[in-house]
Amino acid sequence: MSGNDEYEQLLNQTTNNLKQNKLKGDDITMKKIVSLGFDEARAEGKAAGRTEGMAEGKAEEKFATVKRMLKRGKSSLADIAEDTDLPLDTIKKIQAEMQAV
């Protein structure tokens, strides 16, 4: 309609919210519509941030596990890769970084 994707998305969100009774008849103002759009965008951003943070935390824990296993020297690189679900190349890079220090 307007050629502006963000406007179109906000308009679609607003229409959906009206259908779900999040906004009631006489209470509808542009300020409330925009505020509701921002609230939904903020909630989506927080959820995405939480998901990303959890993934980063899991990756950091895997790297720490690899480092502990390499320090012990009791497992082969292939076994470490299998146990941590990391590619063998990643294990080799971690090992090289540890040796460089």
N, C-alpha and C. Protein backbone atom coordinates (compact mmCIF):
# COMPACT_ATOMS: atom_id res chain seq x y z
N MET A 1 0.82 -1.19 0.00
CA MET A 1 0.00 0.00 0.00
C MET A 1 0.86 1.25 0.00
N SER A 2 1.77 1.41 0.99
CA SER A 2 2.58 2.62 1.09
C SER A 2 3.96 2.45 0.48
N GLY A 3 4.37 1.22 0.26
CA GLY A 3 5.72 0.97 -0.21
C GLY A 3 6.73 0.92 0.93
N ASN A 4 6.30 1.17 2.15
CA ASN A 4 7.16 1.16 3.33
C ASN A 4 6.90 -0.12 4.10
N ASP A 5 7.87 -1.04 4.09
CA ASP A 5 7.68 -2.34 4.72
C ASP A 5 7.38 -2.23 6.22
N GLU A 6 8.08 -1.35 6.92
CA GLU A 6 7.86 -1.21 8.36
C GLU A 6 6.45 -0.72 8.64
N TYR A 7 5.98 0.22 7.85
CA TYR A 7 4.62 0.73 8.02
C TYR A 7 3.62 -0.39 7.77
N GLU A 8 3.84 -1.15 6.71
CA GLU A 8 2.95 -2.25 6.37
C GLU A 8 2.91 -3.29 7.50
N GLN A 9 4.08 -3.59 8.07
CA GLN A 9 4.13 -4.55 9.18
C GLN A 9 3.38 -4.03 10.38
N LEU A 10 3.56 -2.75 10.71
CA LEU A 10 2.86 -2.15 11.85
C LEU A 10 1.36 -2.16 11.61
N LEU A 11 0.95 -1.84 10.40
CA LEU A 11 -0.47 -1.86 10.07
C LEU A 11 -1.04 -3.26 10.21
N ASN A 12 -0.31 -4.26 9.72
CA ASN A 12 -0.77 -5.65 9.85
C ASN A 12 -0.84 -6.09 11.31
N GLN A 13 0.18 -5.71 12.09
CA GLN A 13 0.18 -6.04 13.52
C GLN A 13 -1.02 -5.42 14.21
N THR A 14 -1.29 -4.17 13.89
CA THR A 14 -2.40 -3.45 14.51
C THR A 14 -3.71 -4.11 14.16
N THR A 15 -3.87 -4.47 12.91
CA THR A 15 -5.09 -5.15 12.49
C THR A 15 -5.27 -6.45 13.25
N ASN A 16 -4.19 -7.20 13.36
CA ASN A 16 -4.26 -8.47 14.11
C ASN A 16 -4.60 -8.23 15.57
N ASN A 17 -4.00 -7.20 16.17
CA ASN A 17 -4.28 -6.89 17.57
C ASN A 17 -5.73 -6.47 17.78
N LEU A 18 -6.26 -5.72 16.83
CA LEU A 18 -7.67 -5.33 16.93
C LEU A 18 -8.56 -6.57 16.91
N LYS A 19 -8.19 -7.50 16.04
CA LYS A 19 -8.97 -8.74 15.96
C LYS A 19 -8.88 -9.55 17.25
N GLN A 20 -7.75 -9.44 17.94
CA GLN A 20 -7.56 -10.19 19.18
C GLN A 20 -8.00 -9.39 20.40
N ASN A 21 -8.63 -8.24 20.16
CA ASN A 21 -9.15 -7.38 21.23
C ASN A 21 -8.08 -6.84 22.16
N LYS A 22 -6.86 -6.68 21.66
CA LYS A 22 -5.83 -6.04 22.48
C LYS A 22 -6.08 -4.55 22.55
N LEU A 23 -6.71 -4.02 21.53
CA LEU A 23 -7.11 -2.61 21.53
C LEU A 23 -8.63 -2.60 21.41
N LYS A 24 -9.28 -1.80 22.20
CA LYS A 24 -10.74 -1.78 22.19
C LYS A 24 -11.24 -0.53 21.49
N GLY A 25 -12.34 -0.66 20.78
CA GLY A 25 -13.00 0.35 19.98
C GLY A 25 -12.62 1.80 20.19
N ASP A 26 -13.22 2.50 21.14
CA ASP A 26 -13.03 3.95 21.31
C ASP A 26 -11.66 4.30 21.87
N ASP A 27 -10.93 3.33 22.40
CA ASP A 27 -9.63 3.59 23.01
C ASP A 27 -8.50 3.68 22.01
N ILE A 28 -8.78 3.46 20.74
CA ILE A 28 -7.73 3.40 19.73
C ILE A 28 -7.22 4.80 19.41
N THR A 29 -5.92 4.99 19.64
CA THR A 29 -5.25 6.23 19.23
C THR A 29 -3.97 5.82 18.52
N MET A 30 -3.45 6.70 17.70
CA MET A 30 -2.20 6.39 17.00
C MET A 30 -1.09 6.13 18.01
N LYS A 31 -1.09 6.88 19.10
CA LYS A 31 -0.06 6.69 20.14
C LYS A 31 -0.13 5.27 20.70
N LYS A 32 -1.33 4.78 20.96
CA LYS A 32 -1.48 3.42 21.49
C LYS A 32 -1.07 2.38 20.46
N ILE A 33 -1.41 2.64 19.21
CA ILE A 33 -1.04 1.70 18.15
C ILE A 33 0.48 1.59 18.04
N VAL A 34 1.14 2.75 18.00
CA VAL A 34 2.60 2.77 17.89
C VAL A 34 3.23 2.16 19.13
N SER A 35 2.69 2.49 20.31
CA SER A 35 3.21 1.95 21.57
C SER A 35 3.10 0.43 21.59
N LEU A 36 1.96 -0.07 21.17
CA LEU A 36 1.77 -1.52 21.13
C LEU A 36 2.76 -2.17 20.17
N GLY A 37 2.99 -1.53 19.03
CA GLY A 37 3.97 -2.05 18.07
C GLY A 37 5.36 -2.10 18.67
N PHE A 38 5.75 -1.02 19.40
CA PHE A 38 7.06 -0.99 20.04
C PHE A 38 7.16 -2.05 21.13
N ASP A 39 6.09 -2.23 21.90
CA ASP A 39 6.09 -3.23 22.96
C ASP A 39 6.31 -4.63 22.37
N GLU A 40 5.64 -4.92 21.28
CA GLU A 40 5.79 -6.23 20.65
C GLU A 40 7.19 -6.40 20.07
N ALA A 41 7.71 -5.35 19.45
CA ALA A 41 9.07 -5.41 18.90
C ALA A 41 10.09 -5.61 20.01
N ARG A 42 9.90 -4.92 21.14
CA ARG A 42 10.81 -5.05 22.28
C ARG A 42 10.78 -6.48 22.82
N ALA A 43 9.57 -7.04 22.93
CA ALA A 43 9.44 -8.41 23.44
C ALA A 43 10.13 -9.41 22.49
N GLU A 44 9.97 -9.20 21.18
CA GLU A 44 10.63 -10.07 20.22
C GLU A 44 12.15 -9.93 20.33
N GLY A 45 12.63 -8.71 20.52
CA GLY A 45 14.06 -8.48 20.66
C GLY A 45 14.63 -9.15 21.90
N LYS A 46 13.89 -9.06 23.00
CA LYS A 46 14.35 -9.71 24.24
C LYS A 46 14.41 -11.22 24.07
N ALA A 47 13.40 -11.78 23.43
CA ALA A 47 13.39 -13.23 23.21
C ALA A 47 14.56 -13.66 22.33
N ALA A 48 14.82 -12.88 21.28
CA ALA A 48 15.94 -13.20 20.39
C ALA A 48 17.27 -13.07 21.13
N GLY A 49 17.38 -12.04 21.97
CA GLY A 49 18.61 -11.85 22.75
C GLY A 49 18.84 -12.98 23.73
N ARG A 50 17.77 -13.42 24.37
CA ARG A 50 17.87 -14.54 25.31
C ARG A 50 18.34 -15.80 24.60
N THR A 51 17.75 -16.06 23.45
CA THR A 51 18.13 -17.25 22.67
C THR A 51 19.59 -17.17 22.25
N GLU A 52 20.00 -16.00 21.78
CA GLU A 52 21.39 -15.83 21.35
C GLU A 52 22.34 -15.98 22.53
N GLY A 53 21.97 -15.41 23.67
CA GLY A 53 22.81 -15.51 24.87
C GLY A 53 22.97 -16.95 25.33
N MET A 54 21.89 -17.71 25.27
CA MET A 54 21.96 -19.11 25.67
C MET A 54 22.87 -19.89 24.73
N ALA A 55 22.78 -19.61 23.43
CA ALA A 55 23.63 -20.31 22.46
C ALA A 55 25.09 -19.97 22.70
N GLU A 56 25.39 -18.70 22.98
CA GLU A 56 26.77 -18.30 23.26
C GLU A 56 27.28 -18.99 24.53
N GLY A 57 26.44 -19.07 25.54
CA GLY A 57 26.84 -19.74 26.78
C GLY A 57 27.15 -21.21 26.56
N LYS A 58 26.34 -21.87 25.75
CA LYS A 58 26.58 -23.29 25.45
C LYS A 58 27.89 -23.47 24.69
N ALA A 59 28.14 -22.57 23.75
CA ALA A 59 29.38 -22.65 22.97
C ALA A 59 30.59 -22.44 23.88
N GLU A 60 30.51 -21.46 24.77
CA GLU A 60 31.62 -21.20 25.70
C GLU A 60 31.87 -22.41 26.59
N GLU A 61 30.82 -23.06 27.04
CA GLU A 61 30.97 -24.24 27.89
C GLU A 61 31.63 -25.38 27.12
N LYS A 62 31.24 -25.54 25.84
CA LYS A 62 31.87 -26.58 25.02
C LYS A 62 33.37 -26.32 24.86
N PHE A 63 33.73 -25.05 24.61
CA PHE A 63 35.14 -24.71 24.45
C PHE A 63 35.91 -24.96 25.75
N ALA A 64 35.28 -24.65 26.88
CA ALA A 64 35.93 -24.89 28.18
C ALA A 64 36.12 -26.39 28.39
N THR A 65 35.14 -27.17 27.99
CA THR A 65 35.24 -28.63 28.11
C THR A 65 36.38 -29.16 27.24
N VAL A 66 36.49 -28.65 26.03
CA VAL A 66 37.57 -29.06 25.13
C VAL A 66 38.92 -28.75 25.77
N LYS A 67 39.04 -27.55 26.32
CA LYS A 67 40.32 -27.16 26.94
C LYS A 67 40.67 -28.07 28.11
N ARG A 68 39.67 -28.42 28.92
CA ARG A 68 39.94 -29.33 30.05
C ARG A 68 40.37 -30.70 29.54
N MET A 69 39.70 -31.19 28.50
CA MET A 69 40.04 -32.51 27.97
C MET A 69 41.44 -32.50 27.34
N LEU A 70 41.79 -31.41 26.66
CA LEU A 70 43.12 -31.31 26.06
C LEU A 70 44.20 -31.25 27.14
N LYS A 71 43.93 -30.53 28.22
CA LYS A 71 44.91 -30.43 29.31
C LYS A 71 45.17 -31.79 29.94
N ARG A 72 44.13 -32.61 30.05
CA ARG A 72 44.30 -33.94 30.63
C ARG A 72 45.07 -34.86 29.69
N GLY A 73 44.91 -34.65 28.39
CA GLY A 73 45.64 -35.42 27.40
C GLY A 73 45.27 -36.88 27.33
N LYS A 74 44.13 -37.25 27.86
CA LYS A 74 43.74 -38.66 27.89
C LYS A 74 42.85 -39.06 26.71
N SER A 75 42.37 -38.08 25.97
CA SER A 75 41.47 -38.37 24.85
C SER A 75 42.11 -37.94 23.55
N SER A 76 41.77 -38.66 22.50
CA SER A 76 42.25 -38.25 21.17
C SER A 76 41.42 -37.05 20.71
N LEU A 77 41.94 -36.33 19.73
CA LEU A 77 41.20 -35.18 19.21
C LEU A 77 39.86 -35.63 18.62
N ALA A 78 39.85 -36.77 17.97
CA ALA A 78 38.62 -37.30 17.39
C ALA A 78 37.59 -37.61 18.48
N ASP A 79 38.06 -38.18 19.60
CA ASP A 79 37.15 -38.47 20.72
C ASP A 79 36.59 -37.18 21.32
N ILE A 80 37.44 -36.17 21.44
CA ILE A 80 36.99 -34.88 21.99
C ILE A 80 35.93 -34.28 21.07
N ALA A 81 36.17 -34.33 19.77
CA ALA A 81 35.21 -33.80 18.80
C ALA A 81 33.88 -34.53 18.92
N GLU A 82 33.95 -35.83 19.04
CA GLU A 82 32.72 -36.63 19.15
C GLU A 82 31.99 -36.32 20.46
N ASP A 83 32.73 -36.23 21.55
CA ASP A 83 32.11 -36.00 22.86
C ASP A 83 31.50 -34.61 22.99
N THR A 84 32.04 -33.62 22.29
CA THR A 84 31.56 -32.25 22.41
C THR A 84 30.68 -31.82 21.24
N ASP A 85 30.54 -32.68 20.24
CA ASP A 85 29.78 -32.34 19.03
C ASP A 85 30.35 -31.12 18.32
N LEU A 86 31.65 -30.95 18.40
CA LEU A 86 32.33 -29.87 17.68
C LEU A 86 33.15 -30.48 16.54
N PRO A 87 33.32 -29.73 15.46
CA PRO A 87 34.13 -30.25 14.35
C PRO A 87 35.59 -30.44 14.76
N LEU A 88 36.23 -31.42 14.18
CA LEU A 88 37.63 -31.72 14.49
C LEU A 88 38.51 -30.50 14.24
N ASP A 89 38.22 -29.74 13.18
CA ASP A 89 39.00 -28.53 12.89
C ASP A 89 38.93 -27.54 14.04
N THR A 90 37.77 -27.43 14.67
CA THR A 90 37.62 -26.52 15.81
C THR A 90 38.46 -26.98 16.98
N ILE A 91 38.49 -28.28 17.22
CA ILE A 91 39.30 -28.84 18.30
C ILE A 91 40.78 -28.55 18.04
N LYS A 92 41.19 -28.72 16.79
CA LYS A 92 42.59 -28.45 16.43
C LYS A 92 42.94 -26.98 16.62
N LYS A 93 42.02 -26.07 16.29
CA LYS A 93 42.27 -24.64 16.48
C LYS A 93 42.40 -24.30 17.95
N ILE A 94 41.54 -24.87 18.77
CA ILE A 94 41.63 -24.64 20.22
C ILE A 94 42.95 -25.15 20.75
N GLN A 95 43.35 -26.33 20.29
CA GLN A 95 44.62 -26.91 20.72
C GLN A 95 45.78 -26.00 20.31
N ALA A 96 45.76 -25.48 19.09
CA ALA A 96 46.83 -24.59 18.61
C ALA A 96 46.87 -23.30 19.44
N GLU A 97 45.70 -22.78 19.77
CA GLU A 97 45.65 -21.55 20.60
C GLU A 97 46.24 -21.80 21.98
N MET A 98 45.93 -22.98 22.54
CA MET A 98 46.46 -23.31 23.87
C MET A 98 47.98 -23.46 23.82
N GLN A 99 48.50 -24.03 22.75
CA GLN A 99 49.95 -24.23 22.63
C GLN A 99 50.68 -22.92 22.38
N ALA A 100 49.99 -21.95 21.77
CA ALA A 100 50.60 -20.66 21.46
C ALA A 100 50.76 -19.79 22.71
N VAL A 101 49.99 -20.10 23.73
CA VAL A 101 50.04 -19.27 24.95
C VAL A 101 51.17 -19.61 25.82
